PDB file of all heavy atoms in Angstrom:
ATOM      1  N   LYS A   1     108.820  81.222  98.523  1.00  0.00           N
ATOM      2  CA  LYS A   1     108.231  80.433  97.449  1.00  0.00           C
ATOM      3  C   LYS A   1     107.605  81.365  96.425  1.00  0.00           C
ATOM      4  O   LYS A   1     107.356  82.536  96.695  1.00  0.00           O
ATOM      5  CB  LYS A   1     107.198  79.452  98.003  1.00  0.00           C
ATOM      6  CG  LYS A   1     106.061  80.116  98.756  1.00  0.00           C
ATOM      7  CD  LYS A   1     105.112  79.088  99.363  1.00  0.00           C
ATOM      8  CE  LYS A   1     103.997  79.816 100.097  1.00  0.00           C
ATOM      9  NZ  LYS A   1     103.058  78.905 100.694  1.00  0.00           N
ATOM     10  N   LEU A   2     107.367  80.825  95.256  1.00  0.00           N
ATOM     11  CA  LEU A   2     106.852  81.638  94.161  1.00  0.00           C
ATOM     12  C   LEU A   2     105.329  81.743  94.256  1.00  0.00           C
ATOM     13  O   LEU A   2     104.595  81.009  93.621  1.00  0.00           O
ATOM     14  CB  LEU A   2     107.286  81.056  92.818  1.00  0.00           C
ATOM     15  CG  LEU A   2     107.132  81.975  91.621  1.00  0.00           C
ATOM     16  CD1 LEU A   2     107.852  83.306  91.854  1.00  0.00           C
ATOM     17  CD2 LEU A   2     107.669  81.321  90.378  1.00  0.00           C
ATOM     18  N   THR A   3     104.873  82.667  95.087  1.00  0.00           N
ATOM     19  CA  THR A   3     103.448  82.937  95.245  1.00  0.00           C
ATOM     20  C   THR A   3     102.987  83.861  94.122  1.00  0.00           C
ATOM     21  O   THR A   3     103.804  84.376  93.351  1.00  0.00           O
ATOM     22  CB  THR A   3     103.188  83.626  96.590  1.00  0.00           C
ATOM     23  OG1 THR A   3     103.872  84.888  96.587  1.00  0.00           O
ATOM     24  CG2 THR A   3     103.672  82.782  97.770  1.00  0.00           C
ATOM     25  N   ILE A   4     101.700  84.088  94.042  1.00  0.00           N
ATOM     26  CA  ILE A   4     101.178  85.038  93.054  1.00  0.00           C
ATOM     27  C   ILE A   4     101.783  86.420  93.304  1.00  0.00           C
ATOM     28  O   ILE A   4     102.178  87.115  92.361  1.00  0.00           O
ATOM     29  CB  ILE A   4      99.637  85.074  93.093  1.00  0.00           C
ATOM     30  CG1 ILE A   4      99.088  83.779  92.509  1.00  0.00           C
ATOM     31  CG2 ILE A   4      99.101  86.285  92.334  1.00  0.00           C
ATOM     32  CD1 ILE A   4      97.603  83.618  92.598  1.00  0.00           C
ATOM     33  N   THR A   5     101.897  86.810  94.570  1.00  0.00           N
ATOM     34  CA  THR A   5     102.507  88.107  94.880  1.00  0.00           C
ATOM     35  C   THR A   5     103.945  88.148  94.372  1.00  0.00           C
ATOM     36  O   THR A   5     104.356  89.119  93.729  1.00  0.00           O
ATOM     37  CB  THR A   5     102.475  88.378  96.398  1.00  0.00           C
ATOM     38  OG1 THR A   5     101.110  88.419  96.838  1.00  0.00           O
ATOM     39  CG2 THR A   5     103.154  89.696  96.734  1.00  0.00           C
ATOM     40  N   ASN A   6     104.716  87.099  94.639  1.00  0.00           N
ATOM     41  CA  ASN A   6     106.103  87.068  94.183  1.00  0.00           C
ATOM     42  C   ASN A   6     106.188  87.090  92.659  1.00  0.00           C
ATOM     43  O   ASN A   6     107.023  87.786  92.087  1.00  0.00           O
ATOM     44  CB  ASN A   6     106.836  85.848  94.739  1.00  0.00           C
ATOM     45  CG  ASN A   6     107.062  85.950  96.233  1.00  0.00           C
ATOM     46  OD1 ASN A   6     106.967  87.015  96.826  1.00  0.00           O
ATOM     47  ND2 ASN A   6     107.352  84.820  96.850  1.00  0.00           N
ATOM     48  N   GLN A   7     105.331  86.329  91.987  1.00  0.00           N
ATOM     49  CA  GLN A   7     105.306  86.331  90.520  1.00  0.00           C
ATOM     50  C   GLN A   7     105.028  87.736  90.001  1.00  0.00           C
ATOM     51  O   GLN A   7     105.669  88.203  89.061  1.00  0.00           O
ATOM     52  CB  GLN A   7     104.228  85.373  90.000  1.00  0.00           C
ATOM     53  CG  GLN A   7     104.537  83.913  90.192  1.00  0.00           C
ATOM     54  CD  GLN A   7     103.356  83.031  89.784  1.00  0.00           C
ATOM     55  OE1 GLN A   7     102.492  83.425  89.009  1.00  0.00           O
ATOM     56  NE2 GLN A   7     103.310  81.826  90.318  1.00  0.00           N
ATOM     57  N   ASN A   8     104.055  88.397  90.621  1.00  0.00           N
ATOM     58  CA  ASN A   8     103.689  89.738  90.177  1.00  0.00           C
ATOM     59  C   ASN A   8     104.785  90.752  90.485  1.00  0.00           C
ATOM     60  O   ASN A   8     105.024  91.665  89.693  1.00  0.00           O
ATOM     61  CB  ASN A   8     102.357  90.161  90.804  1.00  0.00           C
ATOM     62  CG  ASN A   8     101.185  89.403  90.207  1.00  0.00           C
ATOM     63  OD1 ASN A   8     101.304  88.804  89.132  1.00  0.00           O
ATOM     64  ND2 ASN A   8     100.064  89.405  90.883  1.00  0.00           N
ATOM     65  N   LEU A   9     105.478  90.595  91.610  1.00  0.00           N
ATOM     66  CA  LEU A   9     106.615  91.477  91.906  1.00  0.00           C
ATOM     67  C   LEU A   9     107.709  91.325  90.848  1.00  0.00           C
ATOM     68  O   LEU A   9     108.302  92.312  90.413  1.00  0.00           O
ATOM     69  CB  LEU A   9     107.191  91.179  93.293  1.00  0.00           C
ATOM     70  CG  LEU A   9     106.456  91.784  94.478  1.00  0.00           C
ATOM     71  CD1 LEU A   9     107.012  91.218  95.781  1.00  0.00           C
ATOM     72  CD2 LEU A   9     106.558  93.296  94.460  1.00  0.00           C
ATOM     73  N   ILE A  10     107.969  90.092  90.439  1.00  0.00           N
ATOM     74  CA  ILE A  10     108.960  89.847  89.394  1.00  0.00           C
ATOM     75  C   ILE A  10     108.555  90.558  88.104  1.00  0.00           C
ATOM     76  O   ILE A  10     109.368  91.227  87.458  1.00  0.00           O
ATOM     77  CB  ILE A  10     109.155  88.325  89.178  1.00  0.00           C
ATOM     78  CG1 ILE A  10     109.861  87.716  90.393  1.00  0.00           C
ATOM     79  CG2 ILE A  10     109.917  88.043  87.885  1.00  0.00           C
ATOM     80  CD1 ILE A  10     109.838  86.194  90.437  1.00  0.00           C
ATOM     81  N   CYS A  11     107.286  90.450  87.738  1.00  0.00           N
ATOM     82  CA  CYS A  11     106.780  91.113  86.527  1.00  0.00           C
ATOM     83  C   CYS A  11     106.842  92.630  86.645  1.00  0.00           C
ATOM     84  O   CYS A  11     107.244  93.317  85.704  1.00  0.00           O
ATOM     85  CB  CYS A  11     105.346  90.680  86.235  1.00  0.00           C
ATOM     86  SG  CYS A  11     105.192  88.978  85.683  1.00  0.00           S
ATOM     87  N   LEU A  12     106.429  93.161  87.792  1.00  0.00           N
ATOM     88  CA  LEU A  12     106.424  94.618  87.977  1.00  0.00           C
ATOM     89  C   LEU A  12     107.840  95.180  87.992  1.00  0.00           C
ATOM     90  O   LEU A  12     108.095  96.244  87.418  1.00  0.00           O
ATOM     91  CB  LEU A  12     105.663  94.988  89.248  1.00  0.00           C
ATOM     92  CG  LEU A  12     104.149  94.783  89.135  1.00  0.00           C
ATOM     93  CD1 LEU A  12     103.495  94.812  90.502  1.00  0.00           C
ATOM     94  CD2 LEU A  12     103.532  95.822  88.204  1.00  0.00           C
ATOM     95  N   MET A  13     108.764  94.486  88.624  1.00  0.00           N
ATOM     96  CA  MET A  13     110.161  94.928  88.583  1.00  0.00           C
ATOM     97  C   MET A  13     110.671  94.864  87.145  1.00  0.00           C
ATOM     98  O   MET A  13     111.389  95.765  86.693  1.00  0.00           O
ATOM     99  CB  MET A  13     111.014  94.077  89.516  1.00  0.00           C
ATOM    100  CG  MET A  13     110.739  94.299  90.992  1.00  0.00           C
ATOM    101  SD  MET A  13     111.277  95.901  91.603  1.00  0.00           S
ATOM    102  CE  MET A  13     113.025  95.552  91.822  1.00  0.00           C
ATOM    103  N   GLY A  14     110.284  93.833  86.407  1.00  0.00           N
ATOM    104  CA  GLY A  14     110.665  93.736  84.995  1.00  0.00           C
ATOM    105  C   GLY A  14     110.107  94.878  84.171  1.00  0.00           C
ATOM    106  O   GLY A  14     110.759  95.375  83.255  1.00  0.00           O
ATOM    107  N   SER A  15     108.903  95.332  84.526  1.00  0.00           N
ATOM    108  CA  SER A  15     108.275  96.432  83.774  1.00  0.00           C
ATOM    109  C   SER A  15     109.037  97.746  83.934  1.00  0.00           C
ATOM    110  O   SER A  15     108.871  98.659  83.136  1.00  0.00           O
ATOM    111  CB  SER A  15     106.810  96.610  84.200  1.00  0.00           C
ATOM    112  OG  SER A  15     106.712  97.291  85.442  1.00  0.00           O
ATOM    113  N   ILE A  16     109.884  97.829  84.971  1.00  0.00           N
ATOM    114  CA  ILE A  16     110.688  99.038  85.161  1.00  0.00           C
ATOM    115  C   ILE A  16     112.172  98.758  84.887  1.00  0.00           C
ATOM    116  O   ILE A  16     113.047  99.507  85.319  1.00  0.00           O
ATOM    117  CB  ILE A  16     110.482  99.672  86.556  1.00  0.00           C
ATOM    118  CG1 ILE A  16     110.892  98.719  87.685  1.00  0.00           C
ATOM    119  CG2 ILE A  16     109.039 100.147  86.714  1.00  0.00           C
ATOM    120  CD1 ILE A  16     110.953  99.373  89.057  1.00  0.00           C
ATOM    121  N   GLY A  17     112.421  97.672  84.179  1.00  0.00           N
ATOM    122  CA  GLY A  17     113.776  97.375  83.752  1.00  0.00           C
ATOM    123  C   GLY A  17     114.682  96.768  84.808  1.00  0.00           C
ATOM    124  O   GLY A  17     115.906  96.818  84.694  1.00  0.00           O
ATOM    125  N   ARG A  18     114.103  96.170  85.836  1.00  0.00           N
ATOM    126  CA  ARG A  18     114.894  95.535  86.898  1.00  0.00           C
ATOM    127  C   ARG A  18     114.648  94.035  86.879  1.00  0.00           C
ATOM    128  O   ARG A  18     113.513  93.590  86.764  1.00  0.00           O
ATOM    129  CB  ARG A  18     114.503  96.075  88.278  1.00  0.00           C
ATOM    130  CG  ARG A  18     114.726  97.557  88.470  1.00  0.00           C
ATOM    131  CD  ARG A  18     116.210  97.874  88.394  1.00  0.00           C
ATOM    132  NE  ARG A  18     116.589  99.173  88.853  1.00  0.00           N
ATOM    133  CZ  ARG A  18     116.429 100.305  88.191  1.00  0.00           C
ATOM    134  NH1 ARG A  18     115.835 100.316  87.041  1.00  0.00           N
ATOM    135  NH2 ARG A  18     116.865 101.450  88.694  1.00  0.00           N
ATOM    136  N   THR A  19     115.718  93.283  87.001  1.00  0.00           N
ATOM    137  CA  THR A  19     115.599  91.829  87.025  1.00  0.00           C
ATOM    138  C   THR A  19     115.486  91.362  88.467  1.00  0.00           C
ATOM    139  O   THR A  19     116.343  91.679  89.284  1.00  0.00           O
ATOM    140  CB  THR A  19     116.829  91.168  86.372  1.00  0.00           C
ATOM    141  OG1 THR A  19     116.904  91.626  85.021  1.00  0.00           O
ATOM    142  CG2 THR A  19     116.715  89.655  86.405  1.00  0.00           C
ATOM    143  N   LEU A  20     114.438  90.668  88.741  1.00  0.00           N
ATOM    144  CA  LEU A  20     114.231  90.066  90.050  1.00  0.00           C
ATOM    145  C   LEU A  20     113.965  88.592  89.803  1.00  0.00           C
ATOM    146  O   LEU A  20     113.056  88.231  89.052  1.00  0.00           O
ATOM    147  CB  LEU A  20     113.042  90.723  90.761  1.00  0.00           C
ATOM    148  CG  LEU A  20     112.727  90.248  92.156  1.00  0.00           C
ATOM    149  CD1 LEU A  20     113.891  90.549  93.107  1.00  0.00           C
ATOM    150  CD2 LEU A  20     111.456  90.917  92.667  1.00  0.00           C
ATOM    151  N   ARG A  21     114.758  87.761  90.395  1.00  0.00           N
ATOM    152  CA  ARG A  21     114.610  86.317  90.208  1.00  0.00           C
ATOM    153  C   ARG A  21     113.689  85.756  91.296  1.00  0.00           C
ATOM    154  O   ARG A  21     113.490  86.381  92.327  1.00  0.00           O
ATOM    155  CB  ARG A  21     115.974  85.655  90.261  1.00  0.00           C
ATOM    156  CG  ARG A  21     116.908  86.169  89.169  1.00  0.00           C
ATOM    157  CD  ARG A  21     118.044  85.205  88.905  1.00  0.00           C
ATOM    158  NE  ARG A  21     118.979  85.709  87.933  1.00  0.00           N
ATOM    159  CZ  ARG A  21     118.752  85.818  86.633  1.00  0.00           C
ATOM    160  NH1 ARG A  21     117.597  85.466  86.137  1.00  0.00           N
ATOM    161  NH2 ARG A  21     119.664  86.281  85.812  1.00  0.00           N
ATOM    162  N   PRO A  22     113.146  84.562  91.056  1.00  0.00           N
ATOM    163  CA  PRO A  22     112.292  83.936  92.077  1.00  0.00           C
ATOM    164  C   PRO A  22     113.037  83.812  93.411  1.00  0.00           C
ATOM    165  O   PRO A  22     114.266  83.700  93.429  1.00  0.00           O
ATOM    166  CB  PRO A  22     111.989  82.559  91.476  1.00  0.00           C
ATOM    167  CG  PRO A  22     112.136  82.741  90.000  1.00  0.00           C
ATOM    168  CD  PRO A  22     113.246  83.751  89.837  1.00  0.00           C
ATOM    169  N   PRO A  23     112.304  83.838  94.523  1.00  0.00           N
ATOM    170  CA  PRO A  23     112.939  83.852  95.839  1.00  0.00           C
ATOM    171  C   PRO A  23     113.838  82.654  96.124  1.00  0.00           C
ATOM    172  O   PRO A  23     114.784  82.771  96.892  1.00  0.00           O
ATOM    173  CB  PRO A  23     111.764  83.903  96.823  1.00  0.00           C
ATOM    174  CG  PRO A  23     110.539  83.753  96.034  1.00  0.00           C
ATOM    175  CD  PRO A  23     110.859  83.895  94.592  1.00  0.00           C
ATOM    176  N   GLU A  24     113.565  81.515  95.507  1.00  0.00           N
ATOM    177  CA  GLU A  24     114.400  80.343  95.778  1.00  0.00           C
ATOM    178  C   GLU A  24     115.761  80.426  95.072  1.00  0.00           C
ATOM    179  O   GLU A  24     116.665  79.668  95.382  1.00  0.00           O
ATOM    180  CB  GLU A  24     113.681  79.044  95.411  1.00  0.00           C
ATOM    181  CG  GLU A  24     113.323  78.902  93.949  1.00  0.00           C
ATOM    182  CD  GLU A  24     111.985  79.526  93.568  1.00  0.00           C
ATOM    183  OE1 GLU A  24     111.336  80.157  94.407  1.00  0.00           O
ATOM    184  OE2 GLU A  24     111.586  79.366  92.409  1.00  0.00           O
ATOM    185  N   GLU A  25     115.905  81.366  94.133  1.00  0.00           N
ATOM    186  CA  GLU A  25     117.202  81.583  93.478  1.00  0.00           C
ATOM    187  C   GLU A  25     117.971  82.616  94.286  1.00  0.00           C
ATOM    188  O   GLU A  25     117.600  83.772  94.338  1.00  0.00           O
ATOM    189  CB  GLU A  25     117.006  82.074  92.043  1.00  0.00           C
ATOM    190  CG  GLU A  25     116.404  81.030  91.130  1.00  0.00           C
ATOM    191  CD  GLU A  25     116.329  81.510  89.689  1.00  0.00           C
ATOM    192  OE1 GLU A  25     117.166  82.344  89.286  1.00  0.00           O
ATOM    193  OE2 GLU A  25     115.419  81.059  88.990  1.00  0.00           O
ATOM    194  N   HIS A  26     119.031  82.193  94.898  1.00  0.00           N
ATOM    195  CA  HIS A  26     119.764  83.079  95.797  1.00  0.00           C
ATOM    196  C   HIS A  26     120.647  84.077  95.067  1.00  0.00           C
ATOM    197  O   HIS A  26     121.022  85.092  95.630  1.00  0.00           O
ATOM    198  CB  HIS A  26     120.586  82.254  96.793  1.00  0.00           C
ATOM    199  CG  HIS A  26     119.725  81.371  97.641  1.00  0.00           C
ATOM    200  ND1 HIS A  26     118.916  81.875  98.632  1.00  0.00           N
ATOM    201  CD2 HIS A  26     119.506  80.038  97.608  1.00  0.00           C
ATOM    202  CE1 HIS A  26     118.244  80.879  99.194  1.00  0.00           C
ATOM    203  NE2 HIS A  26     118.582  79.761  98.601  1.00  0.00           N
ATOM    204  N   GLU A  27     120.986  83.798  93.828  1.00  0.00           N
ATOM    205  CA  GLU A  27     121.830  84.715  93.057  1.00  0.00           C
ATOM    206  C   GLU A  27     120.950  85.744  92.364  1.00  0.00           C
ATOM    207  O   GLU A  27     120.256  85.440  91.410  1.00  0.00           O
ATOM    208  CB  GLU A  27     122.661  83.944  92.018  1.00  0.00           C
ATOM    209  CG  GLU A  27     123.648  82.970  92.630  1.00  0.00           C
ATOM    210  CD  GLU A  27     124.719  83.666  93.457  1.00  0.00           C
ATOM    211  OE1 GLU A  27     125.180  84.751  93.066  1.00  0.00           O
ATOM    212  OE2 GLU A  27     125.079  83.119  94.518  1.00  0.00           O
ATOM    213  N   GLN A  28     120.969  86.956  92.871  1.00  0.00           N
ATOM    214  CA  GLN A  28     120.217  88.055  92.275  1.00  0.00           C
ATOM    215  C   GLN A  28     121.206  88.988  91.584  1.00  0.00           C
ATOM    216  O   GLN A  28     122.329  89.153  92.037  1.00  0.00           O
ATOM    217  CB  GLN A  28     119.436  88.821  93.351  1.00  0.00           C
ATOM    218  CG  GLN A  28     118.389  88.006  94.077  1.00  0.00           C
ATOM    219  CD  GLN A  28     117.171  87.690  93.240  1.00  0.00           C
ATOM    220  OE1 GLN A  28     116.844  88.382  92.294  1.00  0.00           O
ATOM    221  NE2 GLN A  28     116.487  86.602  93.597  1.00  0.00           N
ATOM    222  N   GLU A  29     120.776  89.619  90.490  1.00  0.00           N
ATOM    223  CA  GLU A  29     121.657  90.534  89.779  1.00  0.00           C
ATOM    224  C   GLU A  29     121.866  91.828  90.563  1.00  0.00           C
ATOM    225  O   GLU A  29     122.895  92.459  90.466  1.00  0.00           O
ATOM    226  CB  GLU A  29     121.100  90.828  88.388  1.00  0.00           C
ATOM    227  CG  GLU A  29     121.140  89.591  87.493  1.00  0.00           C
ATOM    228  CD  GLU A  29     120.603  89.857  86.101  1.00  0.00           C
ATOM    229  OE1 GLU A  29     120.533  91.029  85.695  1.00  0.00           O
ATOM    230  OE2 GLU A  29     120.270  88.874  85.428  1.00  0.00           O
ATOM    231  N   GLN A  30     120.863  92.231  91.283  1.00  0.00           N
ATOM    232  CA  GLN A  30     120.963  93.426  92.108  1.00  0.00           C
ATOM    233  C   GLN A  30     120.437  93.082  93.486  1.00  0.00           C
ATOM    234  O   GLN A  30     119.764  92.080  93.680  1.00  0.00           O
ATOM    235  CB  GLN A  30     120.168  94.583  91.500  1.00  0.00           C
ATOM    236  CG  GLN A  30     120.725  95.020  90.164  1.00  0.00           C
ATOM    237  CD  GLN A  30     119.970  96.205  89.601  1.00  0.00           C
ATOM    238  OE1 GLN A  30     118.930  96.597  90.092  1.00  0.00           O
ATOM    239  NE2 GLN A  30     120.513  96.785  88.554  1.00  0.00           N
ATOM    240  N   HIS A  31     120.723  93.931  94.432  1.00  0.00           N
ATOM    241  CA  HIS A  31     120.318  93.652  95.801  1.00  0.00           C
ATOM    242  C   HIS A  31     119.011  94.370  96.137  1.00  0.00           C
ATOM    243  O   HIS A  31     118.942  95.590  96.074  1.00  0.00           O
ATOM    244  CB  HIS A  31     121.411  94.082  96.779  1.00  0.00           C
ATOM    245  CG  HIS A  31     122.669  93.312  96.589  1.00  0.00           C
ATOM    246  ND1 HIS A  31     122.827  92.027  97.067  1.00  0.00           N
ATOM    247  CD2 HIS A  31     123.807  93.605  95.946  1.00  0.00           C
ATOM    248  CE1 HIS A  31     124.007  91.586  96.735  1.00  0.00           C
ATOM    249  NE2 HIS A  31     124.635  92.522  96.050  1.00  0.00           N
ATOM    250  N   TYR A  32     118.019  93.568  96.463  1.00  0.00           N
ATOM    251  CA  TYR A  32     116.737  94.081  96.932  1.00  0.00           C
ATOM    252  C   TYR A  32     116.432  93.347  98.224  1.00  0.00           C
ATOM    253  O   TYR A  32     116.769  92.181  98.384  1.00  0.00           O
ATOM    254  CB  TYR A  32     115.632  93.827  95.900  1.00  0.00           C
ATOM    255  CG  TYR A  32     115.926  94.433  94.543  1.00  0.00           C
ATOM    256  CD1 TYR A  32     116.308  93.640  93.476  1.00  0.00           C
ATOM    257  CD2 TYR A  32     115.845  95.810  94.351  1.00  0.00           C
ATOM    258  CE1 TYR A  32     116.593  94.195  92.237  1.00  0.00           C
ATOM    259  CE2 TYR A  32     116.123  96.370  93.123  1.00  0.00           C
ATOM    260  CZ  TYR A  32     116.500  95.556  92.071  1.00  0.00           C
ATOM    261  OH  TYR A  32     116.784  96.119  90.857  1.00  0.00           O
ATOM    262  N   PHE A  33     115.777  94.032  99.133  1.00  0.00           N
ATOM    263  CA  PHE A  33     115.447  93.451 100.425  1.00  0.00           C
ATOM    264  C   PHE A  33     113.941  93.511 100.586  1.00  0.00           C
ATOM    265  O   PHE A  33     113.341  94.576 100.443  1.00  0.00           O
ATOM    266  CB  PHE A  33     116.137  94.246 101.546  1.00  0.00           C
ATOM    267  CG  PHE A  33     115.891  93.672 102.910  1.00  0.00           C
ATOM    268  CD1 PHE A  33     116.680  92.637 103.396  1.00  0.00           C
ATOM    269  CD2 PHE A  33     114.876  94.165 103.711  1.00  0.00           C
ATOM    270  CE1 PHE A  33     116.448  92.095 104.656  1.00  0.00           C
ATOM    271  CE2 PHE A  33     114.643  93.641 104.971  1.00  0.00           C
ATOM    272  CZ  PHE A  33     115.434  92.600 105.441  1.00  0.00           C
ATOM    273  N   PHE A  34     113.331  92.377 100.855  1.00  0.00           N
ATOM    274  CA  PHE A  34     111.884  92.306 101.028  1.00  0.00           C
ATOM    275  C   PHE A  34     111.562  91.865 102.440  1.00  0.00           C
ATOM    276  O   PHE A  34     112.210  90.972 102.980  1.00  0.00           O
ATOM    277  CB  PHE A  34     111.272  91.305 100.031  1.00  0.00           C
ATOM    278  CG  PHE A  34     111.390  91.741  98.608  1.00  0.00           C
ATOM    279  CD1 PHE A  34     112.525  91.454  97.870  1.00  0.00           C
ATOM    280  CD2 PHE A  34     110.375  92.460  98.010  1.00  0.00           C
ATOM    281  CE1 PHE A  34     112.645  91.860  96.552  1.00  0.00           C
ATOM    282  CE2 PHE A  34     110.482  92.872  96.690  1.00  0.00           C
ATOM    283  CZ  PHE A  34     111.620  92.574  95.960  1.00  0.00           C
ATOM    284  N   THR A  35     110.547  92.478 103.020  1.00  0.00           N
ATOM    285  CA  THR A  35     110.104  92.093 104.350  1.00  0.00           C
ATOM    286  C   THR A  35     108.633  92.447 104.490  1.00  0.00           C
ATOM    287  O   THR A  35     108.081  93.195 103.694  1.00  0.00           O
ATOM    288  CB  THR A  35     110.940  92.803 105.442  1.00  0.00           C
ATOM    289  OG1 THR A  35     110.606  92.252 106.708  1.00  0.00           O
ATOM    290  CG2 THR A  35     110.682  94.300 105.461  1.00  0.00           C
ATOM    291  N   ASN A  36     108.015  91.913 105.499  1.00  0.00           N
ATOM    292  CA  ASN A  36     106.659  92.309 105.857  1.00  0.00           C
ATOM    293  C   ASN A  36     106.750  93.369 106.939  1.00  0.00           C
ATOM    294  O   ASN A  36     107.691  93.373 107.731  1.00  0.00           O
ATOM    295  CB  ASN A  36     105.865  91.107 106.386  1.00  0.00           C
ATOM    296  CG  ASN A  36     105.468  90.168 105.279  1.00  0.00           C
ATOM    297  OD1 ASN A  36     105.027  90.602 104.225  1.00  0.00           O
ATOM    298  ND2 ASN A  36     105.647  88.881 105.502  1.00  0.00           N
ATOM    299  N   THR A  37     105.774  94.257 106.989  1.00  0.00           N
ATOM    300  CA  THR A  37     105.777  95.253 108.058  1.00  0.00           C
ATOM    301  C   THR A  37     105.298  94.657 109.369  1.00  0.00           C
ATOM    302  O   THR A  37     105.558  95.209 110.424  1.00  0.00           O
ATOM    303  CB  THR A  37     104.937  96.499 107.694  1.00  0.00           C
ATOM    304  OG1 THR A  37     103.617  96.099 107.359  1.00  0.00           O
ATOM    305  CG2 THR A  37     105.567  97.250 106.533  1.00  0.00           C
ATOM    306  N   ALA A  38     104.602  93.538 109.294  1.00  0.00           N
ATOM    307  CA  ALA A  38     104.291  92.760 110.496  1.00  0.00           C
ATOM    308  C   ALA A  38     105.216  91.556 110.444  1.00  0.00           C
ATOM    309  O   ALA A  38     105.047  90.662 109.625  1.00  0.00           O
ATOM    310  CB  ALA A  38     102.838  92.327 110.534  1.00  0.00           C
ATOM    311  N   LEU A  39     106.202  91.544 111.298  1.00  0.00           N
ATOM    312  CA  LEU A  39     107.243  90.533 111.230  1.00  0.00           C
ATOM    313  C   LEU A  39     106.850  89.230 111.925  1.00  0.00           C
ATOM    314  O   LEU A  39     107.596  88.266 111.892  1.00  0.00           O
ATOM    315  CB  LEU A  39     108.536  91.091 111.831  1.00  0.00           C
ATOM    316  CG  LEU A  39     108.995  92.406 111.192  1.00  0.00           C
ATOM    317  CD1 LEU A  39     110.144  93.010 111.985  1.00  0.00           C
ATOM    318  CD2 LEU A  39     109.386  92.201 109.756  1.00  0.00           C
ATOM    319  N   CYS A  40     105.689  89.227 112.549  1.00  0.00           N
ATOM    320  CA  CYS A  40     105.227  88.050 113.293  1.00  0.00           C
ATOM    321  C   CYS A  40     104.833  86.924 112.348  1.00  0.00           C
ATOM    322  O   CYS A  40     104.373  87.150 111.243  1.00  0.00           O
ATOM    323  CB  CYS A  40     104.003  88.408 114.133  1.00  0.00           C
ATOM    324  SG  CYS A  40     104.178  89.925 115.075  1.00  0.00           S
ATOM    325  N   MET A  41     104.981  85.710 112.817  1.00  0.00           N
ATOM    326  CA  MET A  41     104.573  84.544 112.035  1.00  0.00           C
ATOM    327  C   MET A  41     103.076  84.317 112.213  1.00  0.00           C
ATOM    328  O   MET A  41     102.537  84.525 113.293  1.00  0.00           O
ATOM    329  CB  MET A  41     105.319  83.302 112.516  1.00  0.00           C
ATOM    330  CG  MET A  41     106.805  83.340 112.326  1.00  0.00           C
ATOM    331  SD  MET A  41     107.293  83.097 110.628  1.00  0.00           S
ATOM    332  CE  MET A  41     106.762  81.431 110.344  1.00  0.00           C
ATOM    333  N   ARG A  42     102.441  83.861 111.164  1.00  0.00           N
ATOM    334  CA  ARG A  42     101.025  83.497 111.244  1.00  0.00           C
ATOM    335  C   ARG A  42     100.903  82.074 111.779  1.00  0.00           C
ATOM    336  O   ARG A  42     101.729  81.237 111.475  1.00  0.00           O
ATOM    337  CB  ARG A  42     100.382  83.538 109.863  1.00  0.00           C
ATOM    338  CG  ARG A  42     100.308  84.894 109.278  1.00  0.00           C
ATOM    339  CD  ARG A  42      99.796  84.764 107.855  1.00  0.00           C
ATOM    340  NE  ARG A  42      99.999  86.016 107.170  1.00  0.00           N
ATOM    341  CZ  ARG A  42      99.014  86.775 106.743  1.00  0.00           C
ATOM    342  NH1 ARG A  42      97.779  86.401 106.882  1.00  0.00           N
ATOM    343  NH2 ARG A  42      99.270  87.909 106.141  1.00  0.00           N
ATOM    344  N   ARG A  43      99.879  81.836 112.532  1.00  0.00           N
ATOM    345  CA  ARG A  43      99.637  80.480 113.029  1.00  0.00           C
ATOM    346  C   ARG A  43      98.855  79.657 112.018  1.00  0.00           C
ATOM    347  O   ARG A  43      98.920  78.454 112.014  1.00  0.00           O
ATOM    348  CB  ARG A  43      98.875  80.529 114.345  1.00  0.00           C
ATOM    349  CG  ARG A  43      99.744  81.066 115.449  1.00  0.00           C
ATOM    350  CD  ARG A  43      98.973  81.080 116.743  1.00  0.00           C
ATOM    351  NE  ARG A  43      99.821  81.713 117.741  1.00  0.00           N
ATOM    352  CZ  ARG A  43      99.853  81.363 118.994  1.00  0.00           C
ATOM    353  NH1 ARG A  43      99.080  80.417 119.428  1.00  0.00           N
ATOM    354  NH2 ARG A  43     100.642  81.976 119.818  1.00  0.00           N
ATOM    355  N   SER A  44      98.121  80.322 111.145  1.00  0.00           N
ATOM    356  CA  SER A  44      97.334  79.589 110.148  1.00  0.00           C
ATOM    357  C   SER A  44      98.177  79.369 108.900  1.00  0.00           C
ATOM    358  O   SER A  44      99.256  79.920 108.750  1.00  0.00           O
ATOM    359  CB  SER A  44      96.075  80.382 109.790  1.00  0.00           C
ATOM    360  OG  SER A  44      96.418  81.513 109.014  1.00  0.00           O
ATOM    361  N   ASN A  45      97.657  78.564 108.005  1.00  0.00           N
ATOM    362  CA  ASN A  45      98.339  78.323 106.736  1.00  0.00           C
ATOM    363  C   ASN A  45      97.992  79.357 105.687  1.00  0.00           C
ATOM    364  O   ASN A  45      98.450  79.285 104.568  1.00  0.00           O
ATOM    365  CB  ASN A  45      97.987  76.920 106.208  1.00  0.00           C
ATOM    366  CG  ASN A  45      98.602  75.839 107.060  1.00  0.00           C
ATOM    367  OD1 ASN A  45      99.659  76.034 107.641  1.00  0.00           O
ATOM    368  ND2 ASN A  45      97.927  74.704 107.138  1.00  0.00           N
TER     369      ASN A  45
END
């Protein structure tokens, strides 16, 4: 989902000339892979 972090990542990638679309758009112009270093799910919201 388009969180503040995701919005800011889109802006920061844009600042270096890279197009990053919102996560719900599956068609990306280039391939980037995002993950958390803690892969576990949170129990809280």
